[in-house]
Amino acid sequence: MRFFVRGVCVLALLFAALAGNVFAQTNQPEQGAKSDVKEAGSSTKRAAKKTGRKVKKGTRKATHKAAKKTRQGAQKVEDKTAPQ
């Protein structure tokens, strides 16, 4: 009998929590088109900045790798042309 009472209490609390959450969502005011456009603009700005940072990092990485390979190639040529 105790398990049945506990189960009913738990279900009642769970239902109350879920019902409260549903009603809380309906009380929020609707966003207008203006705020949607502002949010979209902000999202676009963040995406552009993030992309720019990633491109900068990738370019720097590629440049450094190319410079390293150039130094390695120059060292090879120098080793081959050094008098023995």
PDB file of N, CA and C in Angstrom:
ATOM      1  N   MET A   1       0.824  -1.193   0.000  1.00  0.00           N
ATOM      2  CA  MET A   1       0.000   0.000   0.000  1.00  0.00           C
ATOM      3  C   MET A   1       0.869   1.257   0.000  1.00  0.00           C
ATOM      4  N   ARG A   2       1.995   1.211   0.743  1.00  0.00           N
ATOM      5  CA  ARG A   2       2.864   2.387   0.804  1.00  0.00           C
ATOM      6  C   ARG A   2       3.452   2.703  -0.570  1.00  0.00           C
ATOM      7  N   PHE A   3       3.846   1.669  -1.305  1.00  0.00           N
ATOM      8  CA  PHE A   3       4.428   1.888  -2.629  1.00  0.00           C
ATOM      9  C   PHE A   3       3.423   2.536  -3.563  1.00  0.00           C
ATOM     10  N   PHE A   4       2.183   2.142  -3.444  1.00  0.00           N
ATOM     11  CA  PHE A   4       1.133   2.716  -4.281  1.00  0.00           C
ATOM     12  C   PHE A   4       0.944   4.199  -3.960  1.00  0.00           C
ATOM     13  N   VAL A   5       0.938   4.541  -2.696  1.00  0.00           N
ATOM     14  CA  VAL A   5       0.765   5.939  -2.266  1.00  0.00           C
ATOM     15  C   VAL A   5       1.973   6.760  -2.721  1.00  0.00           C
ATOM     16  N   ARG A   6       3.169   6.226  -2.548  1.00  0.00           N
ATOM     17  CA  ARG A   6       4.377   6.939  -3.001  1.00  0.00           C
ATOM     18  C   ARG A   6       4.347   7.136  -4.514  1.00  0.00           C
ATOM     19  N   GLY A   7       3.954   6.089  -5.224  1.00  0.00           N
ATOM     20  CA  GLY A   7       3.885   6.193  -6.686  1.00  0.00           C
ATOM     21  C   GLY A   7       2.897   7.250  -7.132  1.00  0.00           C
ATOM     22  N   VAL A   8       1.755   7.312  -6.486  1.00  0.00           N
ATOM     23  CA  VAL A   8       0.754   8.328  -6.834  1.00  0.00           C
ATOM     24  C   VAL A   8       1.283   9.715  -6.513  1.00  0.00           C
ATOM     25  N   CYS A   9       1.959   9.866  -5.385  1.00  0.00           N
ATOM     26  CA  CYS A   9       2.523  11.172  -5.015  1.00  0.00           C
ATOM     27  C   CYS A   9       3.594  11.616  -6.012  1.00  0.00           C
ATOM     28  N   VAL A  10       4.445  10.690  -6.375  1.00  0.00           N
ATOM     29  CA  VAL A  10       5.504  11.013  -7.342  1.00  0.00           C
ATOM     30  C   VAL A  10       4.890  11.402  -8.685  1.00  0.00           C
ATOM     31  N   LEU A  11       3.921  10.672  -9.138  1.00  0.00           N
ATOM     32  CA  LEU A  11       3.265  11.011 -10.404  1.00  0.00           C
ATOM     33  C   LEU A  11       2.571  12.352 -10.328  1.00  0.00           C
ATOM     34  N   ALA A  12       1.938  12.645  -9.198  1.00  0.00           N
ATOM     35  CA  ALA A  12       1.259  13.935  -9.040  1.00  0.00           C
ATOM     36  C   ALA A  12       2.269  15.085  -9.078  1.00  0.00           C
ATOM     37  N   LEU A  13       3.405  14.917  -8.393  1.00  0.00           N
ATOM     38  CA  LEU A  13       4.435  15.960  -8.414  1.00  0.00           C
ATOM     39  C   LEU A  13       5.020  16.133  -9.811  1.00  0.00           C
ATOM     40  N   LEU A  14       5.246  15.031 -10.482  1.00  0.00           N
ATOM     41  CA  LEU A  14       5.778  15.097 -11.836  1.00  0.00           C
ATOM     42  C   LEU A  14       4.812  15.807 -12.770  1.00  0.00           C
ATOM     43  N   PHE A  15       3.543  15.475 -12.646  1.00  0.00           N
ATOM     44  CA  PHE A  15       2.533  16.129 -13.480  1.00  0.00           C
ATOM     45  C   PHE A  15       2.468  17.617 -13.172  1.00  0.00           C
ATOM     46  N   ALA A  16       2.517  17.971 -11.898  1.00  0.00           N
ATOM     47  CA  ALA A  16       2.459  19.386 -11.514  1.00  0.00           C
ATOM     48  C   ALA A  16       3.663  20.154 -12.071  1.00  0.00           C
ATOM     49  N   ALA A  17       4.830  19.545 -12.021  1.00  0.00           N
ATOM     50  CA  ALA A  17       6.028  20.208 -12.538  1.00  0.00           C
ATOM     51  C   ALA A  17       5.934  20.399 -14.048  1.00  0.00           C
ATOM     52  N   LEU A  18       5.480  19.378 -14.748  1.00  0.00           N
ATOM     53  CA  LEU A  18       5.363  19.492 -16.204  1.00  0.00           C
ATOM     54  C   LEU A  18       4.267  20.470 -16.598  1.00  0.00           C
ATOM     55  N   ALA A  19       3.162  20.445 -15.885  1.00  0.00           N
ATOM     56  CA  ALA A  19       2.063  21.362 -16.202  1.00  0.00           C
ATOM     57  C   ALA A  19       2.482  22.801 -15.936  1.00  0.00           C
ATOM     58  N   GLY A  20       3.220  23.024 -14.870  1.00  0.00           N
ATOM     59  CA  GLY A  20       3.706  24.373 -14.575  1.00  0.00           C
ATOM     60  C   GLY A  20       4.641  24.872 -15.656  1.00  0.00           C
ATOM     61  N   ASN A  21       5.451  24.002 -16.175  1.00  0.00           N
ATOM     62  CA  ASN A  21       6.380  24.368 -17.245  1.00  0.00           C
ATOM     63  C   ASN A  21       5.630  24.732 -18.524  1.00  0.00           C
ATOM     64  N   VAL A  22       4.587  24.014 -18.833  1.00  0.00           N
ATOM     65  CA  VAL A  22       3.800  24.287 -20.040  1.00  0.00           C
ATOM     66  C   VAL A  22       3.108  25.629 -19.920  1.00  0.00           C
ATOM     67  N   PHE A  23       2.526  25.903 -18.768  1.00  0.00           N
ATOM     68  CA  PHE A  23       1.817  27.168 -18.583  1.00  0.00           C
ATOM     69  C   PHE A  23       2.783  28.345 -18.527  1.00  0.00           C
ATOM     70  N   ALA A  24       3.980  28.119 -18.025  1.00  0.00           N
ATOM     71  CA  ALA A  24       4.962  29.194 -17.961  1.00  0.00           C
ATOM     72  C   ALA A  24       5.386  29.616 -19.363  1.00  0.00           C
ATOM     73  N   GLN A  25       5.427  28.697 -20.294  1.00  0.00           N
ATOM     74  CA  GLN A  25       5.832  29.035 -21.652  1.00  0.00           C
ATOM     75  C   GLN A  25       4.777  29.859 -22.365  1.00  0.00           C
ATOM     76  N   THR A  26       3.513  29.662 -22.055  1.00  0.00           N
ATOM     77  CA  THR A  26       2.452  30.390 -22.758  1.00  0.00           C
ATOM     78  C   THR A  26       2.330  31.820 -22.283  1.00  0.00           C
ATOM     79  N   ASN A  27       2.909  32.167 -21.125  1.00  0.00           N
ATOM     80  CA  ASN A  27       2.794  33.521 -20.607  1.00  0.00           C
ATOM     81  C   ASN A  27       3.818  34.475 -21.210  1.00  0.00           C
ATOM     82  N   GLN A  28       4.783  33.962 -21.926  1.00  0.00           N
ATOM     83  CA  GLN A  28       5.808  34.805 -22.502  1.00  0.00           C
ATOM     84  C   GLN A  28       5.233  35.571 -23.692  1.00  0.00           C
ATOM     85  N   PRO A  29       5.592  36.846 -23.817  1.00  0.00           N
ATOM     86  CA  PRO A  29       5.088  37.624 -24.953  1.00  0.00           C
ATOM     87  C   PRO A  29       5.717  37.154 -26.260  1.00  0.00           C
ATOM     88  N   GLU A  30       4.993  37.284 -27.318  1.00  0.00           N
ATOM     89  CA  GLU A  30       5.495  36.906 -28.641  1.00  0.00           C
ATOM     90  C   GLU A  30       6.551  37.900 -29.092  1.00  0.00           C
ATOM     91  N   GLN A  31       7.585  37.394 -29.713  1.00  0.00           N
ATOM     92  CA  GLN A  31       8.612  38.282 -30.251  1.00  0.00           C
ATOM     93  C   GLN A  31       8.135  38.826 -31.591  1.00  0.00           C
ATOM     94  N   GLY A  32       8.431  40.067 -31.809  1.00  0.00           N
ATOM     95  CA  GLY A  32       8.046  40.687 -33.063  1.00  0.00           C
ATOM     96  C   GLY A  32       9.082  40.438 -34.135  1.00  0.00           C
ATOM     97  N   ALA A  33       8.752  40.900 -35.319  1.00  0.00           N
ATOM     98  CA  ALA A  33       9.657  40.721 -36.453  1.00  0.00           C
ATOM     99  C   ALA A  33      10.955  41.494 -36.244  1.00  0.00           C
ATOM    100  N   LYS A  34      10.849  42.652 -35.593  1.00  0.00           N
ATOM    101  CA  LYS A  34      12.037  43.473 -35.379  1.00  0.00           C
ATOM    102  C   LYS A  34      13.073  42.736 -34.529  1.00  0.00           C
ATOM    103  N   SER A  35      12.618  42.125 -33.448  1.00  0.00           N
ATOM    104  CA  SER A  35      13.570  41.419 -32.592  1.00  0.00           C
ATOM    105  C   SER A  35      14.122  40.175 -33.292  1.00  0.00           C
ATOM    106  N   ASP A  36      13.311  39.551 -34.150  1.00  0.00           N
ATOM    107  CA  ASP A  36      13.801  38.402 -34.913  1.00  0.00           C
ATOM    108  C   ASP A  36      14.913  38.829 -35.869  1.00  0.00           C
ATOM    109  N   VAL A  37      14.730  39.965 -36.511  1.00  0.00           N
ATOM    110  CA  VAL A  37      15.736  40.472 -37.451  1.00  0.00           C
ATOM    111  C   VAL A  37      17.007  40.860 -36.700  1.00  0.00           C
ATOM    112  N   LYS A  38      16.843  41.476 -35.515  1.00  0.00           N
ATOM    113  CA  LYS A  38      18.012  41.853 -34.725  1.00  0.00           C
ATOM    114  C   LYS A  38      18.783  40.618 -34.269  1.00  0.00           C
ATOM    115  N   GLU A  39      18.055  39.603 -33.862  1.00  0.00           N
ATOM    116  CA  GLU A  39      18.704  38.363 -33.433  1.00  0.00           C
ATOM    117  C   GLU A  39      19.426  37.688 -34.597  1.00  0.00           C
ATOM    118  N   ALA A  40      18.812  37.696 -35.755  1.00  0.00           N
ATOM    119  CA  ALA A  40      19.447  37.106 -36.935  1.00  0.00           C
ATOM    120  C   ALA A  40      20.713  37.879 -37.306  1.00  0.00           C
ATOM    121  N   GLY A  41      20.657  39.201 -37.197  1.00  0.00           N
ATOM    122  CA  GLY A  41      21.834  40.018 -37.483  1.00  0.00           C
ATOM    123  C   GLY A  41      22.971  39.734 -36.517  1.00  0.00           C
ATOM    124  N   SER A  42      22.624  39.591 -35.251  1.00  0.00           N
ATOM    125  CA  SER A  42      23.650  39.282 -34.246  1.00  0.00           C
ATOM    126  C   SER A  42      24.261  37.909 -34.491  1.00  0.00           C
ATOM    127  N   SER A  43      23.429  36.963 -34.856  1.00  0.00           N
ATOM    128  CA  SER A  43      23.934  35.619 -35.147  1.00  0.00           C
ATOM    129  C   SER A  43      24.873  35.639 -36.349  1.00  0.00           C
ATOM    130  N   THR A  44      24.499  36.395 -37.362  1.00  0.00           N
ATOM    131  CA  THR A  44      25.336  36.507 -38.554  1.00  0.00           C
ATOM    132  C   THR A  44      26.669  37.153 -38.204  1.00  0.00           C
ATOM    133  N   LYS A  45      26.619  38.171 -37.352  1.00  0.00           N
ATOM    134  CA  LYS A  45      27.843  38.853 -36.935  1.00  0.00           C
ATOM    135  C   LYS A  45      28.774  37.889 -36.201  1.00  0.00           C
ATOM    136  N   ARG A  46      28.211  37.134 -35.259  1.00  0.00           N
ATOM    137  CA  ARG A  46      29.025  36.165 -34.522  1.00  0.00           C
ATOM    138  C   ARG A  46      29.628  35.119 -35.460  1.00  0.00           C
ATOM    139  N   ALA A  47      28.830  34.644 -36.407  1.00  0.00           N
ATOM    140  CA  ALA A  47      29.325  33.628 -37.344  1.00  0.00           C
ATOM    141  C   ALA A  47      30.449  34.181 -38.214  1.00  0.00           C
ATOM    142  N   ALA A  48      30.297  35.433 -38.673  1.00  0.00           N
ATOM    143  CA  ALA A  48      31.330  36.038 -39.508  1.00  0.00           C
ATOM    144  C   ALA A  48      32.630  36.235 -38.732  1.00  0.00           C
ATOM    145  N   LYS A  49      32.512  36.659 -37.481  1.00  0.00           N
ATOM    146  CA  LYS A  49      33.710  36.847 -36.666  1.00  0.00           C
ATOM    147  C   LYS A  49      34.414  35.516 -36.405  1.00  0.00           C
ATOM    148  N   LYS A  50      33.622  34.509 -36.110  1.00  0.00           N
ATOM    149  CA  LYS A  50      34.192  33.188 -35.840  1.00  0.00           C
ATOM    150  C   LYS A  50      34.885  32.637 -37.082  1.00  0.00           C
ATOM    151  N   THR A  51      34.249  32.791 -38.226  1.00  0.00           N
ATOM    152  CA  THR A  51      34.837  32.330 -39.483  1.00  0.00           C
ATOM    153  C   THR A  51      36.133  33.070 -39.771  1.00  0.00           C
ATOM    154  N   GLY A  52      36.126  34.383 -39.535  1.00  0.00           N
ATOM    155  CA  GLY A  52      37.330  35.182 -39.752  1.00  0.00           C
ATOM    156  C   GLY A  52      38.484  34.721 -38.894  1.00  0.00           C
ATOM    157  N   ARG A  53      38.179  34.419 -37.635  1.00  0.00           N
ATOM    158  CA  ARG A  53      39.228  33.945 -36.734  1.00  0.00           C
ATOM    159  C   ARG A  53      39.786  32.599 -37.197  1.00  0.00           C
ATOM    160  N   LYS A  54      38.893  31.717 -37.648  1.00  0.00           N
ATOM    161  CA  LYS A  54      39.341  30.397 -38.105  1.00  0.00           C
ATOM    162  C   LYS A  54      40.186  30.518 -39.370  1.00  0.00           C
ATOM    163  N   VAL A  55      39.794  31.406 -40.267  1.00  0.00           N
ATOM    164  CA  VAL A  55      40.565  31.610 -41.500  1.00  0.00           C
ATOM    165  C   VAL A  55      41.943  32.173 -41.158  1.00  0.00           C
ATOM    166  N   LYS A  56      41.970  33.120 -40.224  1.00  0.00           N
ATOM    167  CA  LYS A  56      43.247  33.710 -39.818  1.00  0.00           C
ATOM    168  C   LYS A  56      44.174  32.645 -39.245  1.00  0.00           C
ATOM    169  N   LYS A  57      43.618  31.788 -38.380  1.00  0.00           N
ATOM    170  CA  LYS A  57      44.421  30.728 -37.773  1.00  0.00           C
ATOM    171  C   LYS A  57      44.921  29.749 -38.830  1.00  0.00           C
ATOM    172  N   GLY A  58      44.044  29.368 -39.753  1.00  0.00           N
ATOM    173  CA  GLY A  58      44.430  28.437 -40.804  1.00  0.00           C
ATOM    174  C   GLY A  58      45.492  29.014 -41.729  1.00  0.00           C
ATOM    175  N   THR A  59      45.354  30.290 -42.058  1.00  0.00           N
ATOM    176  CA  THR A  59      46.335  30.951 -42.927  1.00  0.00           C
ATOM    177  C   THR A  59      47.690  31.016 -42.246  1.00  0.00           C
ATOM    178  N   ARG A  60      47.675  31.390 -40.970  1.00  0.00           N
ATOM    179  CA  ARG A  60      48.931  31.487 -40.226  1.00  0.00           C
ATOM    180  C   ARG A  60      49.603  30.110 -40.138  1.00  0.00           C
ATOM    181  N   LYS A  61      48.809  29.091 -39.878  1.00  0.00           N
ATOM    182  CA  LYS A  61      49.347  27.733 -39.769  1.00  0.00           C
ATOM    183  C   LYS A  61      49.958  27.281 -41.095  1.00  0.00           C
ATOM    184  N   ALA A  62      49.255  27.547 -42.185  1.00  0.00           N
ATOM    185  CA  ALA A  62      49.750  27.145 -43.505  1.00  0.00           C
ATOM    186  C   ALA A  62      51.022  27.903 -43.869  1.00  0.00           C
ATOM    187  N   THR A  63      51.064  29.187 -43.547  1.00  0.00           N
ATOM    188  CA  THR A  63      52.242  29.995 -43.857  1.00  0.00           C
ATOM    189  C   THR A  63      53.459  29.501 -43.085  1.00  0.00           C
ATOM    190  N   HIS A  64      53.255  29.210 -41.802  1.00  0.00           N
ATOM    191  CA  HIS A  64      54.374  28.725 -40.996  1.00  0.00           C
ATOM    192  C   HIS A  64      54.865  27.359 -41.479  1.00  0.00           C
ATOM    193  N   LYS A  65      53.931  26.514 -41.874  1.00  0.00           N
ATOM    194  CA  LYS A  65      54.325  25.193 -42.378  1.00  0.00           C
ATOM    195  C   LYS A  65      55.096  25.341 -43.692  1.00  0.00           C
ATOM    196  N   ALA A  66      54.638  26.240 -44.564  1.00  0.00           N
ATOM    197  CA  ALA A  66      55.332  26.460 -45.833  1.00  0.00           C
ATOM    198  C   ALA A  66      56.732  27.020 -45.596  1.00  0.00           C
ATOM    199  N   ALA A  67      56.843  27.926 -44.639  1.00  0.00           N
ATOM    200  CA  ALA A  67      58.160  28.492 -44.335  1.00  0.00           C
ATOM    201  C   ALA A  67      59.092  27.418 -43.786  1.00  0.00           C
ATOM    202  N   LYS A  68      58.561  26.544 -42.962  1.00  0.00           N
ATOM    203  CA  LYS A  68      59.377  25.455 -42.411  1.00  0.00           C
ATOM    204  C   LYS A  68      59.874  24.538 -43.517  1.00  0.00           C
ATOM    205  N   LYS A  69      58.991  24.196 -44.450  1.00  0.00           N
ATOM    206  CA  LYS A  69      59.386  23.320 -45.564  1.00  0.00           C
ATOM    207  C   LYS A  69      60.403  24.020 -46.464  1.00  0.00           C
ATOM    208  N   THR A  70      60.255  25.331 -46.628  1.00  0.00           N
ATOM    209  CA  THR A  70      61.219  26.094 -47.428  1.00  0.00           C
ATOM    210  C   THR A  70      62.600  26.044 -46.774  1.00  0.00           C
ATOM    211  N   ARG A  71      62.622  26.230 -45.453  1.00  0.00           N
ATOM    212  CA  ARG A  71      63.898  26.152 -44.734  1.00  0.00           C
ATOM    213  C   ARG A  71      64.510  24.764 -44.864  1.00  0.00           C
ATOM    214  N   GLN A  72      63.691  23.721 -44.777  1.00  0.00           N
ATOM    215  CA  GLN A  72      64.195  22.362 -44.915  1.00  0.00           C
ATOM    216  C   GLN A  72      64.769  22.135 -46.314  1.00  0.00           C
ATOM    217  N   GLY A  73      64.077  22.628 -47.326  1.00  0.00           N
ATOM    218  CA  GLY A  73      64.562  22.481 -48.701  1.00  0.00           C
ATOM    219  C   GLY A  73      65.853  23.244 -48.930  1.00  0.00           C
ATOM    220  N   ALA A  74      65.926  24.437 -48.365  1.00  0.00           N
ATOM    221  CA  ALA A  74      67.146  25.237 -48.506  1.00  0.00           C
ATOM    222  C   ALA A  74      68.313  24.541 -47.816  1.00  0.00           C
ATOM    223  N   GLN A  75      68.042  23.938 -46.687  1.00  0.00           N
ATOM    224  CA  GLN A  75      69.100  23.214 -45.963  1.00  0.00           C
ATOM    225  C   GLN A  75      69.592  22.019 -46.770  1.00  0.00           C
ATOM    226  N   LYS A  76      68.672  21.341 -47.443  1.00  0.00           N
ATOM    227  CA  LYS A  76      69.049  20.201 -48.286  1.00  0.00           C
ATOM    228  C   LYS A  76      69.968  20.645 -49.419  1.00  0.00           C
ATOM    229  N   VAL A  77      69.578  21.747 -50.059  1.00  0.00           N
ATOM    230  CA  VAL A  77      70.385  22.266 -51.173  1.00  0.00           C
ATOM    231  C   VAL A  77      71.748  22.686 -50.664  1.00  0.00           C
ATOM    232  N   GLU A  78      71.769  23.333 -49.533  1.00  0.00           N
ATOM    233  CA  GLU A  78      73.044  23.782 -48.962  1.00  0.00           C
ATOM    234  C   GLU A  78      73.938  22.582 -48.642  1.00  0.00           C
ATOM    235  N   ASP A  79      73.329  21.529 -48.103  1.00  0.00           N
ATOM    236  CA  ASP A  79      74.118  20.334 -47.779  1.00  0.00           C
ATOM    237  C   ASP A  79      74.693  19.689 -49.050  1.00  0.00           C
ATOM    238  N   LYS A  80      73.907  19.705 -50.129  1.00  0.00           N
ATOM    239  CA  LYS A  80      74.368  19.086 -51.376  1.00  0.00           C
ATOM    240  C   LYS A  80      75.462  19.901 -52.048  1.00  0.00           C
ATOM    241  N   THR A  81      75.398  21.224 -51.888  1.00  0.00           N
ATOM    242  CA  THR A  81      76.364  22.069 -52.600  1.00  0.00           C
ATOM    243  C   THR A  81      77.581  22.437 -51.747  1.00  0.00           C
ATOM    244  N   ALA A  82      77.584  22.018 -50.515  1.00  0.00           N
ATOM    245  CA  ALA A  82      78.741  22.337 -49.653  1.00  0.00           C
ATOM    246  C   ALA A  82      79.965  21.555 -50.122  1.00  0.00           C
ATOM    247  N   PRO A  83      81.129  22.228 -50.136  1.00  0.00           N
ATOM    248  CA  PRO A  83      82.337  21.531 -50.535  1.00  0.00           C
ATOM    249  C   PRO A  83      82.721  20.484 -49.486  1.00  0.00           C
ATOM    250  N   GLN A  84      83.232  19.369 -49.982  1.00  0.00           N
ATOM    251  CA  GLN A  84      83.592  18.291 -49.056  1.00  0.00           C
ATOM    252  C   GLN A  84      85.057  18.153 -48.942  1.00  0.00           C
TER     253      GLN A  84
END
